[in-house]
Amino acid sequence: MSRLNFGRSRNGKMKFDNVTYRLTDKGKFGSIALIVGIIGLALSAVGCIIDAKQFFHSYLVAFVFWTTIALGGLFFVMLHHLVNAKWSIVLRRFGESLMMIIPFMLILFIPVLLGIKDIFEWSDPQIVASDHLLQGKAAFLNIPFFIIRALFYFCIWIVLALMLNKLSLQQNETATREQTRRARIISAPGMILFALTLTLASFDWLMSLDARWYSTIFGAYIFSGSFLAMLALTTFIVIRLQNNGVLRESITMEHYHDLGKLMFAFVIFWGYMAFSQYLLIWYGNIPEETVWFLHRWEGSWRTVSLIIVFGHFVVPFFILFPQSTKRNKPVMTVMTIWILVMHWVDIHWIVMPTFHIHGFHLSWMDAATVIGIGGIFLFIFWRFFSSHPLVPVKDPNLKRSIEFVS
């Protein structure tokens, strides 16, 4: 991933117009991402034929990994408008391009629906009939209602993304503050709907894998990791673009510093949510709650649990703590990749112990699915991102954003 190339001209730099903020040569990155994605999905299809249960669990991990990053983009854009931020104007296109992938993630959700009976035990009538706890949740955990809720979540996310993106593109033509005002009006209730739907989606797609277990802050736990991963991917792409001669005069070290501060803050927030979830369950000592963590403390899953503790929190905490590292591009590049890998490990750790009960197991389908969906994800991102000016050129506060001092 560190060698990701967004397309260079013959002199080694991307062709970028500093006046219009447009790419005059988009390069081959989009095509390469699409080809890699198609190959990955084709290999995944072969895996489905060989071992359907492994495929569907691997696919769920990959789907949630990439979808949460796209949702992080939606949250970033709404937060930007809601607090009327100035520093992040030059970064807004990244969030908008990520959130515009959400409609396509609905299509990529189809394999999850096809694999419901292989993924979720509450979808098996025989298991439900023999378990009084599952019987009590059957009114909520059933296939028709599960599908209806998923469509509802995607409808909310897609409508919010389309409305905010439309206003952003309109501002490119009108150069007025009206679009900013309307975006803030949309973002206020949108933030509430986002919190509700992301929480419920995390319950449905992840927590219900073990339908006997529950955590009241599981949604906040998933959200914190999602936004952290989105910040990491955005920072990584910005660095790669600037290494190719793009946006060097628009995104400064001050913006890197603030991105680093946000990542540091959400490393702490994720750690707080993870520890709070564990502490409350440990203190309550209720068998229905503790069994979830016990499964992740058996065999080689214990090692993965410790990797998450140190890799997702301790290491990024101490590296991102100093001001100097937030302004060091090589260090930030390594940390962004590290955080993205830890986000995948975290999702894998949530999903796989329900399938591989006795210990950690890594399948080639884990790589095939994450690369397959990732290739399509990055192709769509690049298509949206490179089709318009890379910054909101007519935003009245763009100059203030470029001249921002942290």
Foldseek 3Di string as FASTA:
>chain_A
DLPQAQAADPVQFFQADPVFLAGPDRHCNLVVLQVLLVQLVVVLVVVCVVPVLVSLLLLLLLLLLLLLLLLLLLLVLLVCLQVVDQQCQLVNLLSLLSLQCLVVSVVSCVSNLVCVVSQFVLADPVVCVVDVLSVVCNVCPYSVNLVVLVVVLSVLSNVLSVLLVVLLVVCLVVLDCPSSVVSNVSSPVSVVSSLVSQQVCCCSSFVSSVVLEDFPCSSVLSNLLSNLLNLLVSLLVVLSNVVSVRCDLQQDLQNLLVSLVSNLVSLVSNLVSVVVRVVVCVVVVDVSHCVLVVLCCADASVVLVVCLNCQSHVVSNVQSVDSVLSSDSVSSNVVSVSSSVSSSSVSCSRRCCSPVRHHDDDDVSSVSSNSNVSSVSVSSSSVSCNVRNVGSVSHPSSVVNSVDHD
